[in-house]
Amino acid sequence: MNPSSKPSIKKSKFRLLHQYYSYTGFYTFVKKSVVKSILPIVLFIGALFFVHYFVIDFNELFATIIEKYSPFTIITVFFISESLLGLVPPEIFIAWAGKSAEPILYVTLLALFSYFGGIISYFIGKYIAKLPKVFNYLEVKMKKHLIMIRKWGGFLIVVGALLPIPFAMTSIAAGVINYKFKNYLLFGLLRFLRFFIYALVIFQIV
């Protein structure tokens, strides 16, 4: 066998994968997701500037929150939110971390608990798959997520971990279709990258 044939095989597999994601609309989905995420991010940053300079000083606001509530309480609320469909925007908690005594520590903890929250959402999805009535209901409500994760698997988890798309929804969908847990854990680690990138921006504002 000609050794030089191995790289060509790998290249052909890459091309087939590239063609698959092109034909199924994955790249279009990512492009649209990035475009859609830019506006909310810009609006959120703009709102932070406006509120900070014209409504209330964030230094005073978060100082009050830090005095009134313990880090344990705040992180617990965040963890519950991240486990149940991402009810509260993580950016608010990142802004709180920026005013804490140990910003890097608390951003790391937020990223860690967001990751664990996603794991809980994954197992919620696996449990839901065993309940016919609930599963049939979510098949309609989460139709878009389920179709996408069946088509793209790990790549959708990467997008969900990095972009302002509800990570809990993506995690539940992964659990419902019984996506390989080991791969889910690996791709989900990108959640840490998202939190640190957002922290770099938000810390400059508040």
Foldseek 3Di string as FASTA:
>chain_A
DDPVVVVVVVVVVVVVVVVLCVVVCVVVVLVVLVVVQVVVVVVVLVVLQCCCPPNHPVLVVLVVVVVVDPLVVVLVVLLVCLLPQNPDPCLVVLLSLLNDPHNVVSLQSSLVSSLVSLVNLLVVLLVLLVPVVSLVVVCVVLVVLLVVCVSPPLVVLLSLLAGPDSNSSNSSSCNNVVPPPVSSSVSNNCNSVNSVVSSVVSSVRD
